Amino acid sequence: MCSQLPKMTAEEQEADMEEWVNHPLNCKELTPEMLERPEYQALIQMAYEGEPIEVQNNFKTHAYEHLGKLLLKTS
């Protein structure tokens, strides 16, 4: 299967890797430039899709997951 993929130059590979690292799903730090990217804006919109109770439950679930990870780290 990989043999069917076109060969990429080193510059193309570097650009592809940079795009991957700087994508909002993979970023480690949010910058003002990141907040303006259409990919990030789409992710923000997705967080608020659905019925209000669904949105609330989603945020609550994620908050409990992050709190659990934080508490495990500090103990």
Protein backbone atom coordinates (compact mmCIF):
# COMPACT_ATOMS: atom_id res chain seq x y z
CA MET A 1 0.00 0.00 0.00
CA CYS A 2 2.79 2.45 0.85
CA SER A 3 4.46 1.69 -2.46
CA GLN A 4 1.47 3.27 -4.20
CA LEU A 5 1.98 6.63 -2.48
CA PRO A 6 3.88 9.28 -4.43
CA LYS A 7 7.40 9.99 -3.20
CA MET A 8 7.76 13.28 -1.36
CA THR A 9 10.78 15.53 -1.42
CA ALA A 10 12.46 16.49 1.85
CA GLU A 11 10.90 19.96 1.60
CA GLU A 12 7.43 18.49 1.07
CA GLN A 13 7.92 16.14 4.02
CA GLU A 14 9.06 19.04 6.21
CA ALA A 15 6.05 21.16 5.18
CA ASP A 16 3.69 18.23 5.79
CA MET A 17 5.18 17.60 9.23
CA GLU A 18 4.99 21.30 10.13
CA GLU A 19 1.32 21.40 9.14
CA TRP A 20 0.66 18.30 11.25
CA VAL A 21 2.45 19.70 14.32
CA ASN A 22 0.79 23.10 14.00
CA HIS A 23 -2.73 21.77 13.46
CA PRO A 24 -5.12 22.76 16.28
CA LEU A 25 -5.68 19.12 17.24
CA ASN A 26 -1.97 18.59 17.83
CA CYS A 27 -0.82 21.95 19.17
CA LYS A 28 0.75 22.18 22.61
CA GLU A 29 0.25 25.92 22.97
CA LEU A 30 -2.51 28.22 21.75
CA THR A 31 -1.24 31.39 20.14
CA PRO A 32 -3.26 34.32 18.81
CA GLU A 33 -2.48 33.09 15.29
CA MET A 34 -3.80 29.63 16.16
CA LEU A 35 -7.06 31.09 17.44
CA GLU A 36 -7.63 32.78 14.07
CA ARG A 37 -7.15 29.62 11.98
CA PRO A 38 -10.33 28.29 10.34
CA GLU A 39 -9.56 24.78 11.66
CA TYR A 40 -9.61 26.04 15.23
CA GLN A 41 -12.78 28.05 14.64
CA ALA A 42 -14.46 24.89 13.30
CA LEU A 43 -13.43 22.96 16.42
CA ILE A 44 -14.89 25.67 18.63
CA GLN A 45 -18.17 25.52 16.72
CA MET A 46 -18.26 21.72 17.05
CA ALA A 47 -17.96 22.00 20.83
CA TYR A 48 -21.27 23.87 20.95
CA GLU A 49 -23.25 21.75 18.47
CA GLY A 50 -26.29 19.86 19.71
CA GLU A 51 -28.95 20.40 22.30
CA PRO A 52 -27.95 22.56 25.28
CA ILE A 53 -28.10 19.58 27.68
CA GLU A 54 -25.80 17.58 25.37
CA VAL A 55 -23.30 20.44 25.25
CA GLN A 56 -23.43 20.79 29.03
CA ASN A 57 -22.91 17.06 29.59
CA ASN A 58 -20.00 17.02 27.16
CA PHE A 59 -18.24 19.88 28.95
CA LYS A 60 -18.95 18.33 32.35
CA THR A 61 -17.55 14.96 31.23
CA HIS A 62 -14.39 16.55 29.87
CA ALA A 63 -13.96 18.62 33.02
CA TYR A 64 -14.18 15.52 35.22
CA GLU A 65 -11.68 13.69 32.98
CA HIS A 66 -9.18 16.54 33.20
CA LEU A 67 -9.71 16.94 36.93
CA GLY A 68 -9.07 13.23 37.43
CA LYS A 69 -5.83 13.44 35.44
CA LEU A 70 -4.74 16.49 37.41
CA LEU A 71 -5.48 14.84 40.74
CA LEU A 72 -3.59 11.69 39.74
CA LYS A 73 -0.58 13.80 38.75
CA THR A 74 -0.41 15.67 42.04
CA SER A 75 -0.89 12.71 44.36
